[in-house]
Amino acid sequence: MKKRKINKKFLVLILTALLVFLVGCGVRSGIDTVGNEVTIIDRVAFTVFGRNIYWYAICIISGIALAYIFAIYISKKIGFKEEDLIDGFIIGVILGIVGARLYYVIFAWEQGGYAQDPLRIITGFVNEEGGLAIHGAVILVAIFVYFYWRRRRFDVFKLGEMLAPGFMIGQIVGRWGNFFNQEAHGGPISLNLEEGRAFLEKLSLPDFIIDQMLISDSSYTSAIDSATRFYMHPTFLYESFWNLIGLAIILLVRKFSKKYWMGDAVLFYLIWYGIGRYFVESLRTDYLPFRIFGIELRIAQVVSIIMIIAGVALFALRRIFKVHPISFLEVVEANKKN
């Protein structure tokens, strides 16, 4: 009976999402400058009381919801208190959004116009301007977890097994918000539109993704046959797919190997996401700059290198000093007996 209920709920969720998409999805159709028929999905899903509801927001909320469902499922398997998870999750989500916003503002202080109008830190976000950076969410949530752990004294290693995969799930789904917004993309694959589209077709991508990659940096509303539109690298897809592979590795390894210790998910996330984001960032055109000693760096790449080094170092030290050497499988088995 339980399995049937879960399947029904899941089916209702999928059908509801599909219905919302079909009802609210606006599109623009046309022909690009080399004769390809193109349909671009509008970034606004629907409007409620005059307020636009963007696909970006729907993707972010969906990612958060799926991460929460995953965390609840794992918490029952490893014996983590549900009340600690729920309280921490609500506060963590709020702080994650705040951290993502502040991080973006700090590194876009001059180029984003926040130095001239600091109130845009709040008003710009509320007025559909956007501007979030995932590294800011990771940093502030990590700080919050430390203080939350000191207050509740729960098993932080168990929390890590829900938190890190949860971040991956959120990013896998959330990156599709960039897809609808036609943002966080790479540069032109080629200045020749036929070559650019051919590259995307070789990746076996469906037409709706390929069409959405016909982007104009000058204006989102540019005509489809505008000379400013080029087929761009779908970096959102590269990052989403990279995280999907990483999530699959975590789930498979910890299910079958006792060498995988409780909490290793956090260290794996630091290394895996750091590597993927470093290379994806090299393709992006909207990177946040970081200048030191007259040299301009991409801040996301700097943070990614730090994440990789920290992940490798902590993994090695944990093995050397045998810090909490309890496997995920052992905890699951012990919880079944209780």
Protein backbone atom coordinates (compact mmCIF):
# COMPACT_ATOMS: atom_id res chain seq x y z
CA MET A 1 0.00 0.00 0.00
CA LYS A 2 2.77 2.44 0.87
CA LYS A 3 4.48 1.93 -2.49
CA ARG A 4 1.22 2.58 -4.33
CA LYS A 5 0.67 5.83 -2.42
CA ILE A 6 4.16 7.05 -3.20
CA ASN A 7 3.76 6.18 -6.88
CA LYS A 8 0.41 7.97 -7.06
CA LYS A 9 1.80 11.09 -5.40
CA PHE A 10 4.76 11.08 -7.73
CA LEU A 11 2.52 10.63 -10.77
CA VAL A 12 0.25 13.50 -9.65
CA LEU A 13 3.31 15.73 -9.18
CA ILE A 14 4.62 14.97 -12.68
CA LEU A 15 1.22 15.45 -14.32
CA THR A 16 0.67 18.73 -12.46
CA ALA A 17 4.06 20.04 -13.54
CA LEU A 18 3.33 19.03 -17.13
CA LEU A 19 -0.09 20.70 -17.02
CA VAL A 20 1.40 23.93 -15.66
CA PHE A 21 3.99 23.85 -18.43
CA LEU A 22 1.44 23.30 -21.20
CA VAL A 23 -1.01 25.90 -19.88
CA GLY A 24 1.38 28.63 -18.92
CA CYS A 25 4.19 28.27 -21.40
CA GLY A 26 4.42 31.09 -23.90
CA VAL A 27 6.64 30.71 -26.95
CA ARG A 28 8.05 32.77 -29.80
CA SER A 29 8.57 31.10 -33.14
CA GLY A 30 10.52 32.20 -36.16
CA ILE A 31 13.38 31.40 -38.50
CA ASP A 32 17.02 32.13 -37.73
CA THR A 33 19.33 33.86 -40.21
CA VAL A 34 20.29 30.57 -41.90
CA GLY A 35 16.76 29.21 -42.29
CA ASN A 36 16.25 26.97 -39.25
CA GLU A 37 12.80 26.97 -37.64
CA VAL A 38 13.24 28.03 -34.02
CA THR A 39 10.85 28.12 -31.08
CA ILE A 40 11.99 29.98 -27.96
CA ILE A 41 10.21 29.35 -24.66
CA ASP A 42 9.26 32.50 -22.75
CA ARG A 43 10.99 32.89 -19.40
CA VAL A 44 7.64 33.87 -17.81
CA ALA A 45 5.63 30.76 -16.96
CA PHE A 46 2.42 32.61 -16.09
CA THR A 47 1.15 35.76 -14.40
CA VAL A 48 -0.73 36.00 -11.10
CA PHE A 49 -2.42 39.29 -10.15
CA GLY A 50 -0.14 41.15 -12.53
CA ARG A 51 3.00 39.55 -11.09
CA ASN A 52 5.17 37.47 -13.41
CA ILE A 53 6.03 33.97 -12.22
CA TYR A 54 9.26 32.92 -13.89
CA TRP A 55 10.36 29.43 -14.83
CA TYR A 56 13.58 30.27 -12.99
CA ALA A 57 11.68 30.51 -9.69
CA ILE A 58 9.74 27.33 -10.44
CA CYS A 59 12.97 25.44 -11.16
CA ILE A 60 14.63 26.71 -7.97
CA ILE A 61 11.61 25.86 -5.82
CA SER A 62 11.30 22.44 -7.48
CA GLY A 63 14.97 21.74 -6.80
CA ILE A 64 14.57 22.71 -3.15
CA ALA A 65 11.43 20.57 -2.81
CA LEU A 66 13.12 17.51 -4.33
CA ALA A 67 16.17 18.02 -2.09
CA TYR A 68 13.86 18.10 0.92
CA ILE A 69 12.02 14.92 -0.14
CA PHE A 70 15.38 13.21 -0.61
CA ALA A 71 16.59 14.38 2.81
CA ILE A 72 13.46 13.07 4.55
CA TYR A 73 13.90 9.70 2.83
CA ILE A 74 17.56 9.41 3.86
CA SER A 75 16.92 10.68 7.40
CA LYS A 76 14.64 7.69 8.01
CA LYS A 77 17.27 5.27 6.68
CA ILE A 78 20.10 6.58 8.85
CA GLY A 79 18.15 7.57 11.96
CA PHE A 80 18.47 11.35 11.80
CA LYS A 81 15.87 13.26 13.85
CA GLU A 82 13.23 14.65 11.52
CA GLU A 83 12.62 17.75 13.67
CA ASP A 84 16.32 18.69 13.45
CA LEU A 85 16.15 18.27 9.69
CA ILE A 86 12.95 20.30 9.20
CA ASP A 87 14.05 23.22 11.40
CA GLY A 88 17.50 23.32 9.84
CA PHE A 89 16.17 22.97 6.30
CA ILE A 90 13.82 25.95 6.55
CA ILE A 91 16.47 28.24 8.02
CA GLY A 92 19.13 26.85 5.68
CA VAL A 93 17.05 27.58 2.56
CA ILE A 94 16.49 31.17 3.64
CA LEU A 95 20.15 31.70 4.47
CA GLY A 96 21.16 29.97 1.24
CA ILE A 97 19.20 32.51 -0.81
CA VAL A 98 20.58 35.38 1.26
CA GLY A 99 24.13 34.05 0.89
CA ALA A 100 23.74 33.57 -2.86
CA ARG A 101 22.47 37.15 -3.22
CA LEU A 102 25.16 38.77 -1.03
CA TYR A 103 27.94 36.82 -2.75
CA TYR A 104 26.72 37.98 -6.15
CA VAL A 105 26.38 41.60 -5.03
CA ILE A 106 29.84 41.69 -3.45
CA PHE A 107 31.60 40.54 -6.60
CA ALA A 108 29.35 42.53 -8.94
CA TRP A 109 29.51 45.66 -6.76
CA GLU A 110 30.84 48.00 -9.44
CA GLN A 111 29.76 46.37 -12.69
CA GLY A 112 26.28 45.63 -11.34
CA GLY A 113 25.70 49.23 -10.28
CA TYR A 114 25.27 48.43 -6.59
CA ALA A 115 27.97 50.93 -5.60
CA GLN A 116 25.90 53.74 -7.10
CA ASP A 117 22.58 52.44 -5.73
CA PRO A 118 23.04 50.10 -2.72
CA LEU A 119 19.27 49.77 -2.30
CA ARG A 120 19.24 47.67 -5.47
CA ILE A 121 20.64 44.85 -3.35
CA ILE A 122 17.04 44.45 -2.18
CA THR A 123 14.90 46.32 -4.68
CA GLY A 124 16.65 44.84 -7.71
CA PHE A 125 16.06 41.32 -6.43
CA VAL A 126 12.41 42.00 -5.62
CA ASN A 127 11.84 43.75 -8.97
CA GLU A 128 12.75 40.65 -10.98
CA GLU A 129 16.32 41.75 -11.65
CA GLY A 130 17.80 38.57 -10.25
CA GLY A 131 21.42 37.93 -9.35
CA LEU A 132 22.34 34.82 -7.33
CA ALA A 133 25.56 32.80 -7.04
CA ILE A 134 25.57 29.22 -5.73
CA HIS A 135 28.96 29.53 -4.01
CA GLY A 136 27.49 32.14 -1.68
CA ALA A 137 24.74 29.72 -0.68
CA VAL A 138 27.28 26.94 -0.01
CA ILE A 139 29.45 29.20 2.18
CA LEU A 140 26.64 30.68 4.29
CA VAL A 141 24.88 27.33 4.74
CA ALA A 142 28.17 25.76 5.86
CA ILE A 143 28.56 28.49 8.50
CA PHE A 144 24.96 28.00 9.61
CA VAL A 145 25.41 24.21 9.90
CA TYR A 146 28.36 24.71 12.25
CA PHE A 147 26.40 26.89 14.68
CA TYR A 148 23.24 24.81 14.29
CA TRP A 149 25.25 21.69 15.13
CA ARG A 150 26.73 23.34 18.23
CA ARG A 151 23.23 24.12 19.47
CA ARG A 152 21.47 20.82 18.63
CA ARG A 153 24.46 18.44 18.91
CA PHE A 154 23.20 16.08 16.22
CA ASP A 155 25.38 13.75 14.14
CA VAL A 156 26.89 16.18 11.64
CA PHE A 157 28.22 13.31 9.52
CA LYS A 158 24.68 12.07 8.99
CA LEU A 159 23.58 15.59 8.07
CA GLY A 160 26.33 15.72 5.44
CA GLU A 161 24.85 12.64 3.75
CA MET A 162 21.62 14.56 3.22
CA LEU A 163 23.02 18.04 2.67
CA ALA A 164 25.62 17.46 -0.08
CA PRO A 165 23.42 15.28 -2.32
CA GLY A 166 20.62 17.78 -1.63
CA PHE A 167 22.76 20.59 -3.00
CA MET A 168 23.42 18.48 -6.09
CA ILE A 169 19.71 17.83 -6.60
CA GLY A 170 18.96 21.53 -6.19
CA GLN A 171 21.60 22.44 -8.78
CA ILE A 172 20.56 19.70 -11.22
CA VAL A 173 17.02 21.09 -11.33
CA GLY A 174 17.76 24.73 -10.58
CA ARG A 175 20.17 25.17 -13.49
CA TRP A 176 17.24 24.71 -15.84
CA GLY A 177 16.03 28.09 -14.63
CA ASN A 178 19.05 29.55 -16.44
CA PHE A 179 17.92 27.64 -19.52
CA PHE A 180 14.55 29.41 -19.57
CA ASN A 181 16.17 32.78 -18.80
CA GLN A 182 18.77 32.29 -21.55
CA GLU A 183 21.51 33.18 -19.06
CA ALA A 184 24.59 31.64 -17.44
CA HIS A 185 25.50 30.37 -20.88
CA GLY A 186 28.83 30.04 -22.64
CA GLY A 187 30.10 32.01 -25.60
CA PRO A 188 29.14 31.38 -29.23
CA ILE A 189 29.98 27.86 -30.35
CA SER A 190 30.76 29.37 -33.74
CA LEU A 191 30.07 32.65 -35.50
CA ASN A 192 28.63 30.46 -38.23
CA LEU A 193 25.09 29.57 -37.12
CA GLU A 194 25.01 26.34 -39.10
CA GLU A 195 28.18 25.10 -37.39
CA GLY A 196 26.87 26.14 -33.99
CA ARG A 197 23.59 24.28 -34.42
CA ALA A 198 25.36 21.25 -35.89
CA PHE A 199 27.54 21.01 -32.76
CA LEU A 200 24.47 20.96 -30.51
CA GLU A 201 22.78 18.38 -32.73
CA LYS A 202 25.83 16.13 -32.41
CA LEU A 203 25.23 16.14 -28.63
CA SER A 204 21.86 14.51 -29.40
CA LEU A 205 20.00 17.32 -27.70
CA PRO A 206 16.27 17.73 -28.40
CA ASP A 207 15.25 20.69 -30.57
CA PHE A 208 13.67 22.63 -27.71
CA ILE A 209 17.07 22.84 -25.98
CA ILE A 210 18.94 23.66 -29.17
CA ASP A 211 16.42 26.38 -30.07
CA GLN A 212 16.72 27.94 -26.61
CA MET A 213 20.47 28.23 -27.10
CA LEU A 214 19.98 30.75 -29.93
CA ILE A 215 20.80 33.70 -27.70
CA SER A 216 21.41 37.41 -28.08
CA ASP A 217 23.54 39.00 -25.36
CA SER A 218 22.30 42.42 -26.41
CA SER A 219 18.63 41.76 -25.63
CA TYR A 220 16.46 38.84 -24.55
CA THR A 221 13.66 40.21 -26.74
CA SER A 222 15.75 40.43 -29.93
CA ALA A 223 14.06 39.03 -33.01
CA ILE A 224 14.83 35.40 -33.74
CA ASP A 225 16.40 36.38 -37.06
CA SER A 226 18.53 39.06 -35.40
CA ALA A 227 22.18 39.12 -36.44
CA THR A 228 23.07 39.37 -32.72
CA ARG A 229 21.83 35.84 -32.01
CA PHE A 230 24.26 32.92 -31.97
CA TYR A 231 24.08 29.33 -30.77
CA MET A 232 25.79 29.39 -27.37
CA HIS A 233 27.37 26.67 -25.26
CA PRO A 234 24.64 25.31 -22.92
CA THR A 235 26.80 25.57 -19.79
CA PHE A 236 23.68 25.21 -17.64
CA LEU A 237 23.27 21.74 -19.17
CA TYR A 238 26.93 20.83 -18.74
CA GLU A 239 26.75 21.69 -15.03
CA SER A 240 23.38 20.03 -14.50
CA PHE A 241 24.55 16.81 -16.17
CA TRP A 242 27.86 16.86 -14.28
CA ASN A 243 26.00 17.07 -10.97
CA LEU A 244 23.64 14.29 -12.05
CA ILE A 245 26.63 12.01 -12.66
CA GLY A 246 28.10 13.03 -9.29
CA LEU A 247 24.84 12.30 -7.50
CA ALA A 248 24.63 8.87 -9.16
CA ILE A 249 28.20 8.08 -8.04
CA ILE A 250 27.41 8.98 -4.41
CA LEU A 251 24.20 6.92 -4.34
CA LEU A 252 25.82 3.87 -5.95
CA VAL A 253 29.10 3.86 -4.01
CA ARG A 254 27.55 4.30 -0.59
CA LYS A 255 24.98 1.61 -1.36
CA PHE A 256 27.56 -1.07 -2.17
CA SER A 257 30.87 -0.09 -0.52
CA LYS A 258 31.72 -0.14 3.18
CA LYS A 259 34.79 1.95 2.38
CA TYR A 260 32.42 4.86 1.93
CA TRP A 261 32.18 6.54 5.34
CA MET A 262 29.26 8.50 6.68
CA GLY A 263 29.81 12.14 5.70
CA ASP A 264 32.04 11.45 2.69
CA ALA A 265 29.34 13.01 0.51
CA VAL A 266 30.43 16.49 1.60
CA LEU A 267 34.06 15.89 0.66
CA PHE A 268 33.05 14.31 -2.64
CA TYR A 269 30.80 17.30 -3.39
CA LEU A 270 33.63 19.76 -2.76
CA ILE A 271 35.91 17.91 -5.18
CA TRP A 272 33.37 16.92 -7.81
CA TYR A 273 31.51 20.21 -8.05
CA GLY A 274 34.77 22.16 -7.80
CA ILE A 275 36.22 20.34 -10.83
CA GLY A 276 33.06 20.66 -12.89
CA ARG A 277 32.44 24.30 -12.08
CA TYR A 278 36.06 25.25 -12.80
CA PHE A 279 35.84 24.04 -16.40
CA VAL A 280 32.25 25.20 -16.97
CA GLU A 281 33.18 28.67 -15.70
CA SER A 282 35.90 28.93 -18.36
CA LEU A 283 33.15 28.84 -21.00
CA ARG A 284 30.73 31.31 -19.39
CA THR A 285 30.43 34.91 -20.54
CA ASP A 286 28.76 36.32 -17.40
CA TYR A 287 31.47 35.44 -14.90
CA LEU A 288 32.12 37.54 -11.80
CA PRO A 289 35.64 39.05 -11.94
CA PHE A 290 38.12 39.11 -9.09
CA ARG A 291 41.16 41.35 -9.37
CA ILE A 292 44.33 40.92 -7.34
CA PHE A 293 47.75 42.44 -8.03
CA GLY A 294 46.40 43.78 -11.31
CA ILE A 295 45.40 40.29 -12.49
CA GLU A 296 41.76 39.54 -13.30
CA LEU A 297 40.55 36.12 -12.21
CA ARG A 298 37.17 34.46 -12.32
CA ILE A 299 36.04 34.26 -8.71
CA ALA A 300 34.08 31.04 -9.29
CA GLN A 301 37.27 29.36 -10.52
CA VAL A 302 39.23 30.60 -7.50
CA VAL A 303 36.57 29.27 -5.14
CA SER A 304 36.40 26.01 -7.09
CA ILE A 305 40.15 25.47 -6.66
CA ILE A 306 39.79 26.11 -2.92
CA MET A 307 36.93 23.60 -2.77
CA ILE A 308 38.98 20.94 -4.57
CA ILE A 309 42.03 21.43 -2.34
CA ALA A 310 39.87 21.41 0.82
CA GLY A 311 38.01 18.29 -0.28
CA VAL A 312 41.15 16.32 -1.11
CA ALA A 313 42.98 17.45 2.04
CA LEU A 314 40.06 16.67 4.35
CA PHE A 315 39.50 13.27 2.72
CA ALA A 316 43.18 12.34 3.18
CA LEU A 317 43.31 13.61 6.78
CA ARG A 318 40.12 11.78 7.64
CA ARG A 319 41.60 8.51 6.44
CA ILE A 320 44.95 9.11 8.12
CA PHE A 321 43.46 9.96 11.54
CA LYS A 322 40.44 7.64 11.21
CA VAL A 323 37.90 10.37 11.92
CA HIS A 324 34.46 8.78 12.44
CA PRO A 325 35.30 5.64 10.37
CA ILE A 326 31.74 4.33 10.18
CA SER A 327 30.38 3.36 6.79
CA PHE A 328 27.03 4.47 5.45
CA LEU A 329 25.99 0.81 5.11
CA GLU A 330 26.79 0.09 8.76
CA VAL A 331 24.63 2.99 9.92
CA VAL A 332 21.72 1.90 7.73
CA GLU A 333 21.99 -1.70 8.97
CA ALA A 334 22.18 -0.57 12.62
CA ASN A 335 19.15 1.70 12.17
CA LYS A 336 17.10 -1.21 10.79
CA LYS A 337 17.73 -3.17 13.99
CA ASN A 338 16.56 -0.30 16.23
